[in-house]
Amino acid sequence: MRECVIIGRPNSGKTLFALNFAGYLGTKNIDVTFRTYDGLMTCRHFSIEEAKRELCSSTLHKTCSLQSMLLTMKVGKATVNFKLTDTCGVSEQIHADERIRKGMAQTIGLLRSVDLLLHVVDLSLINKAFSKQSSIDYEFYNYGMICKSYVLLGNKYDLSSAKNNLPHLAAAFPKARIMPISALYSQGFREVKACVARNI
């Protein structure tokens, strides 16, 4: 089964995007499989709204392991199944919490076997002063340019400040295919769906 993996910094909006994208595809209830660095797997059933209440937070590193869901999507006249995997946010610093360090390592290890990388960037944090030399986002971008199946999702496009930052994102990542989205309001999801359909 083809797998789309969502990567990015902590609090860039990865989990909210995953859940609202599942809802956009028509999913009302989901089974989320949680897989820790040590290989322990558990599965929980949620409605989309329950999952958002429990799995989304403004707290850093709310997601600290892989969270996968199997989704169904119409592609032309066919119906296809694919796996959408949310990951632990990755940052430059070595985190004090071993569980989060392992979650970051798990995220990086997953990149080798992915069919499509959906790289979520918080557009409200990208500006003229953005330093790509010290950015984990730039490392993801460089890897994405090698693996080819890569899209950069500029999140929080519903904010006026974020809209103004879109040219800075394009300048920082000039070779990337960029899709402005709002994970909160499901904006830009039609374009993301078309991209996923081409890769699954």
Protein backbone atom coordinates (compact mmCIF):
# COMPACT_ATOMS: atom_id res chain seq x y z
CA MET A 1 0.00 0.00 0.00
CA ARG A 2 1.28 3.44 -0.91
CA GLU A 3 2.15 5.76 1.96
CA CYS A 4 2.10 9.54 2.27
CA VAL A 5 4.14 10.89 5.16
CA ILE A 6 3.67 14.30 6.74
CA ILE A 7 6.84 15.93 8.05
CA GLY A 8 7.79 19.29 9.50
CA ARG A 9 8.68 21.21 12.62
CA PRO A 10 6.73 20.87 15.88
CA ASN A 11 3.48 22.86 15.77
CA SER A 12 3.57 23.49 12.04
CA GLY A 13 0.06 22.02 11.79
CA LYS A 14 0.82 18.45 10.67
CA THR A 15 -1.74 16.62 12.82
CA LEU A 16 -4.55 19.10 12.13
CA PHE A 17 -3.79 18.84 8.43
CA ALA A 18 -3.87 15.02 8.55
CA LEU A 19 -7.21 14.89 10.34
CA ASN A 20 -8.95 17.62 8.34
CA PHE A 21 -7.61 16.12 5.10
CA ALA A 22 -9.13 12.77 6.12
CA GLY A 23 -12.41 14.60 6.73
CA TYR A 24 -12.10 16.36 3.37
CA LEU A 25 -11.89 12.95 1.69
CA GLY A 26 -15.21 12.03 3.30
CA THR A 27 -13.98 10.11 6.34
CA LYS A 28 -16.20 10.53 9.39
CA ASN A 29 -14.48 8.02 11.69
CA ILE A 30 -10.89 6.84 11.66
CA ASP A 31 -8.75 4.14 13.19
CA VAL A 32 -5.40 5.64 14.15
CA THR A 33 -2.48 3.26 14.59
CA PHE A 34 0.22 4.57 16.91
CA ARG A 35 3.69 3.08 16.45
CA THR A 36 6.50 3.91 18.88
CA TYR A 37 10.22 3.87 18.18
CA ASP A 38 10.43 0.53 20.00
CA GLY A 39 7.85 -1.03 17.66
CA LEU A 40 4.91 -1.04 20.08
CA MET A 41 1.66 -0.62 18.13
CA THR A 42 -1.75 0.38 19.43
CA CYS A 43 -4.91 1.31 17.55
CA ARG A 44 -7.71 3.66 18.59
CA HIS A 45 -11.01 4.52 16.97
CA PHE A 46 -12.05 8.20 16.79
CA SER A 47 -14.51 10.44 15.09
CA ILE A 48 -12.59 13.20 13.27
CA GLU A 49 -13.71 15.73 15.89
CA GLU A 50 -12.67 13.46 18.79
CA ALA A 51 -9.29 12.93 17.19
CA LYS A 52 -8.76 16.67 16.79
CA ARG A 53 -9.63 17.29 20.44
CA GLU A 54 -7.29 14.56 21.66
CA LEU A 55 -4.39 14.64 19.22
CA CYS A 56 -4.05 18.34 18.34
CA SER A 57 -2.52 20.83 20.75
CA SER A 58 -0.52 24.04 20.85
CA THR A 59 1.89 22.20 23.16
CA LEU A 60 5.16 21.32 21.47
CA HIS A 61 5.63 17.65 20.64
CA LYS A 62 2.08 16.53 21.30
CA THR A 63 2.82 14.01 18.55
CA CYS A 64 5.88 11.99 19.58
CA SER A 65 5.47 8.78 17.54
CA LEU A 66 4.09 7.72 14.17
CA GLN A 67 0.31 8.05 13.79
CA SER A 68 -1.11 6.33 10.72
CA MET A 69 -4.58 6.05 9.24
CA LEU A 70 -5.84 4.16 6.21
CA LEU A 71 -7.83 6.39 3.89
CA THR A 72 -9.91 5.87 0.76
CA MET A 73 -9.97 8.26 -2.15
CA LYS A 74 -11.72 8.39 -5.51
CA VAL A 75 -9.27 8.64 -8.40
CA GLY A 76 -11.29 8.90 -11.58
CA LYS A 77 -13.69 5.97 -11.56
CA ALA A 78 -11.48 3.94 -9.24
CA THR A 79 -11.35 3.89 -5.45
CA VAL A 80 -7.87 3.59 -3.97
CA ASN A 81 -6.63 3.02 -0.45
CA PHE A 82 -3.50 4.63 0.94
CA LYS A 83 -1.82 5.20 4.28
CA LEU A 84 -1.41 8.73 5.65
CA THR A 85 1.20 8.95 8.40
CA ASP A 86 1.66 11.87 10.78
CA THR A 87 5.07 12.16 12.46
CA CYS A 88 6.88 13.68 15.40
CA GLY A 89 8.00 17.23 14.67
CA VAL A 90 11.74 17.56 14.08
CA SER A 91 13.84 20.47 15.30
CA GLU A 92 17.56 21.30 15.23
CA GLN A 93 18.08 21.00 18.96
CA ILE A 94 18.69 17.69 20.79
CA HIS A 95 15.62 17.37 22.98
CA ALA A 96 15.99 16.58 26.70
CA ASP A 97 13.13 14.06 26.60
CA GLU A 98 14.32 10.65 25.36
CA ARG A 99 10.83 9.79 24.06
CA ILE A 100 10.84 12.86 21.81
CA ARG A 101 14.42 12.20 20.63
CA LYS A 102 13.32 8.71 19.62
CA GLY A 103 10.24 10.13 17.91
CA MET A 104 12.42 12.47 15.83
CA ALA A 105 14.73 9.57 14.91
CA GLN A 106 11.67 7.52 13.94
CA THR A 107 10.48 10.33 11.65
CA ILE A 108 13.85 10.61 9.92
CA GLY A 109 14.11 6.83 9.54
CA LEU A 110 10.74 6.67 7.83
CA LEU A 111 11.80 8.98 4.99
CA ARG A 112 13.68 6.23 3.14
CA SER A 113 10.56 4.20 2.34
CA VAL A 114 7.97 6.87 1.63
CA ASP A 115 5.97 7.26 -1.59
CA LEU A 116 5.10 10.95 -1.09
CA LEU A 117 6.49 13.50 1.35
CA LEU A 118 4.09 16.23 2.45
CA HIS A 119 6.31 18.82 4.13
CA VAL A 120 4.27 21.25 6.26
CA VAL A 121 5.80 24.67 6.97
CA ASP A 122 4.24 27.36 9.14
CA LEU A 123 4.00 30.28 6.72
CA SER A 124 3.56 32.75 9.58
CA LEU A 125 7.18 32.02 10.63
CA ILE A 126 8.79 32.44 7.20
CA ASN A 127 10.03 35.94 6.49
CA LYS A 128 12.95 37.82 4.95
CA ALA A 129 15.12 36.91 7.94
CA PHE A 130 14.47 33.16 7.52
CA SER A 131 17.83 31.37 7.67
CA LYS A 132 17.81 28.25 5.55
CA GLN A 133 21.34 27.36 6.64
CA SER A 134 20.18 26.52 10.17
CA SER A 135 16.75 25.18 9.28
CA ILE A 136 15.57 21.60 9.52
CA ASP A 137 13.00 22.61 6.91
CA TYR A 138 15.85 23.15 4.46
CA GLU A 139 17.21 19.67 5.21
CA PHE A 140 13.78 18.20 4.44
CA TYR A 141 13.66 20.26 1.25
CA ASN A 142 17.08 19.03 0.11
CA TYR A 143 16.03 15.43 0.72
CA GLY A 144 12.74 16.03 -1.05
CA MET A 145 14.53 17.32 -4.14
CA ILE A 146 16.43 14.01 -4.30
CA CYS A 147 13.46 11.71 -3.74
CA LYS A 148 11.29 13.67 -6.24
CA SER A 149 7.90 12.80 -4.67
CA TYR A 150 7.82 15.89 -2.46
CA VAL A 151 5.45 18.80 -1.93
CA LEU A 152 5.88 21.80 0.35
CA LEU A 153 2.63 22.82 2.07
CA GLY A 154 2.68 26.43 3.26
CA ASN A 155 0.26 26.25 6.20
CA LYS A 156 -1.77 28.99 7.90
CA TYR A 157 -2.46 30.73 4.59
CA ASP A 158 -5.70 31.96 6.12
CA LEU A 159 -3.64 34.52 8.10
CA SER A 160 -2.88 37.77 6.28
CA SER A 161 0.69 37.79 7.63
CA ALA A 162 1.22 34.29 6.24
CA LYS A 163 -0.07 35.30 2.80
CA ASN A 164 2.50 38.08 2.71
CA ASN A 165 5.23 35.55 3.51
CA LEU A 166 4.50 33.25 0.57
CA PRO A 167 7.08 34.97 -1.70
CA HIS A 168 9.72 34.49 1.03
CA LEU A 169 8.90 30.77 1.16
CA ALA A 170 9.26 30.51 -2.61
CA ALA A 171 12.59 32.34 -2.47
CA ALA A 172 13.92 30.10 0.31
CA PHE A 173 12.87 26.87 -1.45
CA PRO A 174 13.05 27.79 -5.15
CA LYS A 175 12.80 24.28 -6.64
CA ALA A 176 9.93 23.05 -4.48
CA ARG A 177 6.35 22.64 -5.61
CA ILE A 178 4.57 24.87 -3.07
CA MET A 179 0.90 24.62 -2.18
CA PRO A 180 -0.54 27.24 0.20
CA ILE A 181 -3.01 25.64 2.59
CA SER A 182 -4.96 26.26 5.75
CA ALA A 183 -5.04 23.07 7.82
CA LEU A 184 -7.59 24.76 10.07
CA TYR A 185 -10.07 25.66 7.33
CA SER A 186 -9.21 22.93 4.76
CA GLN A 187 -8.14 25.52 2.19
CA GLY A 188 -5.99 24.26 -0.67
CA PHE A 189 -7.02 20.66 -0.05
CA ARG A 190 -8.34 20.13 -3.58
CA GLU A 191 -4.82 20.72 -4.93
CA VAL A 192 -3.30 18.45 -2.26
CA LYS A 193 -5.80 15.72 -3.12
CA ALA A 194 -4.86 15.93 -6.80
CA CYS A 195 -1.17 15.67 -5.88
CA VAL A 196 -1.77 12.64 -3.64
CA ALA A 197 -3.83 11.00 -6.40
CA ARG A 198 -0.92 11.30 -8.83
CA ASN A 199 1.41 9.56 -6.38
CA ILE A 200 -0.72 6.67 -5.16
